[in-house]
């Protein structure tokens, strides 16, 4: 029993040091998905007009409150 006490103390110290090292480890920065990188930064301005699109037009500088996963949808007539 006398031999087990120093071993348990060393084990608890090693576990505590490992937990502290994991908590202090720098976190990696998450990369933006490729679809979000090519998107222009959306803005929100009060009183800004909302574009109404007829036909095939590229709309830039839109007034967006929130966006989720960016997807492209093609519709055929």
N, C-alpha and C. Protein backbone atom coordinates (compact mmCIF):
# COMPACT_ATOMS: atom_id res chain seq x y z
N UNK A 1 0.82 -1.19 0.00
CA UNK A 1 0.00 0.00 0.00
C UNK A 1 0.86 1.26 0.00
N UNK A 2 2.02 1.21 0.65
CA UNK A 2 2.89 2.38 0.74
C UNK A 2 3.46 2.74 -0.62
N UNK A 3 3.62 1.78 -1.51
CA UNK A 3 4.16 2.04 -2.83
C UNK A 3 3.09 2.66 -3.74
N UNK A 4 1.83 2.37 -3.50
CA UNK A 4 0.76 2.86 -4.35
C UNK A 4 0.47 4.35 -4.15
N UNK A 5 0.74 4.89 -2.97
CA UNK A 5 0.43 6.30 -2.69
C UNK A 5 1.27 7.25 -3.55
N UNK A 6 2.60 7.09 -3.60
CA UNK A 6 3.36 7.99 -4.48
C UNK A 6 2.98 7.83 -5.96
N UNK A 7 2.66 6.63 -6.36
CA UNK A 7 2.24 6.41 -7.75
C UNK A 7 0.93 7.15 -8.04
N UNK A 8 -0.03 7.09 -7.14
CA UNK A 8 -1.31 7.78 -7.34
C UNK A 8 -1.13 9.29 -7.34
N UNK A 9 -0.24 9.81 -6.49
CA UNK A 9 0.03 11.25 -6.47
C UNK A 9 0.61 11.68 -7.81
N UNK A 10 1.57 10.94 -8.32
CA UNK A 10 2.17 11.27 -9.62
C UNK A 10 1.14 11.15 -10.75
N UNK A 11 0.26 10.18 -10.66
CA UNK A 11 -0.78 10.00 -11.67
C UNK A 11 -1.73 11.20 -11.67
N UNK A 12 -2.18 11.64 -10.49
CA UNK A 12 -3.07 12.79 -10.41
C UNK A 12 -2.40 14.06 -10.89
N UNK A 13 -1.12 14.25 -10.58
CA UNK A 13 -0.38 15.43 -11.06
C UNK A 13 -0.27 15.40 -12.58
N UNK A 14 0.00 14.23 -13.15
CA UNK A 14 0.12 14.11 -14.61
C UNK A 14 -1.21 14.40 -15.29
N UNK A 15 -2.29 13.92 -14.73
CA UNK A 15 -3.61 14.19 -15.31
C UNK A 15 -3.94 15.67 -15.21
N UNK A 16 -3.64 16.31 -14.08
CA UNK A 16 -3.91 17.74 -13.91
C UNK A 16 -3.10 18.56 -14.90
N UNK A 17 -1.84 18.23 -15.09
CA UNK A 17 -0.99 18.96 -16.04
C UNK A 17 -1.50 18.77 -17.47
N UNK A 18 -1.96 17.57 -17.81
CA UNK A 18 -2.48 17.32 -19.15
C UNK A 18 -3.76 18.13 -19.39
N UNK A 19 -4.64 18.22 -18.40
CA UNK A 19 -5.87 19.00 -18.53
C UNK A 19 -5.55 20.48 -18.69
N UNK A 20 -4.62 20.99 -17.90
CA UNK A 20 -4.23 22.41 -18.00
C UNK A 20 -3.59 22.69 -19.36
N UNK A 21 -2.74 21.79 -19.84
CA UNK A 21 -2.10 21.99 -21.15
C UNK A 21 -3.14 21.98 -22.27
N UNK A 22 -4.14 21.12 -22.17
CA UNK A 22 -5.19 21.08 -23.20
C UNK A 22 -6.02 22.36 -23.16
N UNK A 23 -6.30 22.88 -21.96
CA UNK A 23 -7.10 24.10 -21.84
C UNK A 23 -6.35 25.32 -22.38
N UNK A 24 -5.05 25.34 -22.24
CA UNK A 24 -4.25 26.49 -22.68
C UNK A 24 -3.77 26.38 -24.12
N UNK A 25 -4.03 25.26 -24.77
CA UNK A 25 -3.59 25.05 -26.14
C UNK A 25 -4.31 26.03 -27.08
N UNK A 26 -3.58 26.68 -28.01
CA UNK A 26 -4.25 27.60 -28.94
C UNK A 26 -5.21 26.85 -29.86
N UNK A 27 -6.37 27.45 -30.06
CA UNK A 27 -7.39 26.83 -30.89
C UNK A 27 -7.15 27.19 -32.36
N UNK A 28 -7.28 26.23 -33.29
CA UNK A 28 -7.09 26.54 -34.70
C UNK A 28 -8.24 27.40 -35.23
N UNK A 29 -7.91 28.32 -36.13
CA UNK A 29 -8.93 29.16 -36.74
C UNK A 29 -9.63 28.36 -37.82
N UNK A 30 -10.96 28.46 -37.84
CA UNK A 30 -11.72 27.73 -38.85
C UNK A 30 -11.70 28.51 -40.16
N UNK A 31 -11.48 27.81 -41.24
CA UNK A 31 -11.43 28.43 -42.56
C UNK A 31 -12.85 28.63 -43.08
N UNK A 32 -13.05 29.70 -43.83
CA UNK A 32 -14.36 29.93 -44.44
C UNK A 32 -14.54 28.96 -45.60
N UNK A 33 -15.77 28.49 -45.81
CA UNK A 33 -15.99 27.63 -46.97
C UNK A 33 -15.77 28.40 -48.27
N UNK A 34 -15.37 27.73 -49.34
CA UNK A 34 -15.07 28.43 -50.60
C UNK A 34 -16.24 29.24 -51.14
N UNK A 35 -17.45 28.78 -50.92
CA UNK A 35 -18.61 29.52 -51.42
C UNK A 35 -18.77 30.85 -50.70
N UNK A 36 -18.40 30.92 -49.44
CA UNK A 36 -18.54 32.15 -48.68
C UNK A 36 -17.40 33.13 -48.97
N UNK A 37 -16.26 32.63 -49.42
CA UNK A 37 -15.13 33.51 -49.68
C UNK A 37 -15.35 34.39 -50.90
N UNK A 38 -16.03 33.88 -51.92
CA UNK A 38 -16.22 34.68 -53.12
C UNK A 38 -17.45 35.58 -53.04
N UNK A 39 -18.15 35.54 -51.93
CA UNK A 39 -19.35 36.34 -51.77
C UNK A 39 -18.97 37.74 -51.29
N UNK A 40 -19.59 38.75 -51.88
CA UNK A 40 -19.35 40.11 -51.42
C UNK A 40 -19.94 40.25 -50.03
N UNK A 41 -19.35 41.13 -49.23
CA UNK A 41 -19.85 41.28 -47.87
C UNK A 41 -21.21 41.97 -47.89
N UNK A 42 -22.21 41.34 -47.28
CA UNK A 42 -23.54 41.94 -47.28
C UNK A 42 -23.62 43.10 -46.29
N UNK A 43 -24.49 44.03 -46.57
CA UNK A 43 -24.68 45.18 -45.69
C UNK A 43 -26.16 45.33 -45.38
N UNK A 44 -26.43 46.03 -44.30
CA UNK A 44 -27.80 46.32 -43.92
C UNK A 44 -27.90 47.82 -43.71
N UNK A 45 -28.71 48.47 -44.53
CA UNK A 45 -28.94 49.91 -44.42
C UNK A 45 -30.43 50.17 -44.40
N UNK A 46 -30.86 50.99 -43.46
CA UNK A 46 -32.28 51.35 -43.41
C UNK A 46 -32.60 52.26 -44.58
N UNK A 47 -33.72 52.04 -45.22
CA UNK A 47 -34.13 52.88 -46.33
C UNK A 47 -33.52 52.52 -47.66
N UNK A 48 -32.71 51.49 -47.71
CA UNK A 48 -32.10 51.07 -48.97
C UNK A 48 -33.13 50.31 -49.80
N UNK A 49 -33.17 50.57 -51.08
CA UNK A 49 -34.19 49.95 -51.93
C UNK A 49 -33.88 48.48 -52.15
N UNK A 50 -34.93 47.71 -52.33
CA UNK A 50 -34.83 46.28 -52.58
C UNK A 50 -34.95 46.04 -54.08
N UNK A 51 -33.95 45.40 -54.71
CA UNK A 51 -34.03 45.20 -56.16
C UNK A 51 -35.08 44.15 -56.52
N UNK A 52 -35.84 44.43 -57.58
CA UNK A 52 -36.80 43.47 -58.12
C UNK A 52 -36.24 43.02 -59.46
N UNK A 53 -36.05 41.72 -59.60
CA UNK A 53 -35.36 41.17 -60.76
C UNK A 53 -36.35 40.53 -61.71
N UNK A 54 -36.27 40.91 -62.99
CA UNK A 54 -37.03 40.28 -64.06
C UNK A 54 -36.02 39.77 -65.09
N UNK A 55 -36.04 38.49 -65.36
CA UNK A 55 -35.11 37.93 -66.33
C UNK A 55 -33.84 37.46 -65.66
N UNK A 56 -32.76 37.44 -66.41
CA UNK A 56 -31.48 36.95 -65.91
C UNK A 56 -30.56 38.14 -65.68
N UNK A 57 -30.32 38.46 -64.42
CA UNK A 57 -29.55 39.64 -64.04
C UNK A 57 -28.66 39.25 -62.87
N UNK A 58 -27.47 39.82 -62.82
CA UNK A 58 -26.61 39.63 -61.66
C UNK A 58 -26.85 40.79 -60.69
N UNK A 59 -27.26 40.46 -59.48
CA UNK A 59 -27.55 41.47 -58.48
C UNK A 59 -26.35 41.57 -57.55
N UNK A 60 -25.79 42.77 -57.44
CA UNK A 60 -24.66 43.00 -56.52
C UNK A 60 -25.06 44.05 -55.50
N UNK A 61 -24.42 44.01 -54.36
CA UNK A 61 -24.68 45.00 -53.34
C UNK A 61 -26.07 44.89 -52.75
N UNK A 62 -26.49 43.68 -52.42
CA UNK A 62 -27.83 43.49 -51.89
C UNK A 62 -27.90 43.87 -50.42
N UNK A 63 -29.09 44.09 -49.92
CA UNK A 63 -29.34 44.44 -48.53
C UNK A 63 -29.80 43.17 -47.81
N UNK A 64 -28.90 42.54 -47.05
CA UNK A 64 -29.17 41.24 -46.45
C UNK A 64 -29.12 41.34 -44.94
N UNK A 65 -30.13 40.79 -44.28
CA UNK A 65 -30.13 40.73 -42.83
C UNK A 65 -29.42 39.49 -42.31
N UNK A 66 -29.61 38.35 -42.98
CA UNK A 66 -29.00 37.09 -42.56
C UNK A 66 -28.87 36.20 -43.77
N UNK A 67 -27.82 35.37 -43.81
CA UNK A 67 -27.71 34.35 -44.84
C UNK A 67 -27.11 33.11 -44.23
N UNK A 68 -27.52 31.96 -44.73
CA UNK A 68 -27.02 30.67 -44.24
C UNK A 68 -26.06 30.09 -45.25
N UNK A 69 -26.27 28.83 -45.57
CA UNK A 69 -25.43 28.17 -46.56
C UNK A 69 -25.71 28.78 -47.94
N UNK A 70 -24.64 29.20 -48.59
CA UNK A 70 -24.79 29.80 -49.92
C UNK A 70 -24.91 28.69 -50.94
N UNK A 71 -25.99 28.70 -51.69
CA UNK A 71 -26.19 27.69 -52.72
C UNK A 71 -26.59 28.39 -54.02
N UNK A 72 -26.40 27.70 -55.11
CA UNK A 72 -26.78 28.21 -56.41
C UNK A 72 -27.89 27.34 -56.96
N UNK A 73 -28.98 27.93 -57.36
CA UNK A 73 -30.11 27.19 -57.92
C UNK A 73 -30.36 27.67 -59.33
N UNK A 74 -30.43 26.75 -60.27
CA UNK A 74 -30.71 27.09 -61.66
C UNK A 74 -32.10 26.57 -62.01
N UNK A 75 -32.91 27.45 -62.58
CA UNK A 75 -34.27 27.10 -62.97
C UNK A 75 -34.37 27.13 -64.48
N UNK A 76 -35.00 26.12 -65.04
CA UNK A 76 -35.21 26.06 -66.48
C UNK A 76 -36.65 26.42 -66.79
N UNK A 77 -36.85 27.10 -67.91
CA UNK A 77 -38.21 27.46 -68.31
C UNK A 77 -38.74 26.51 -69.34
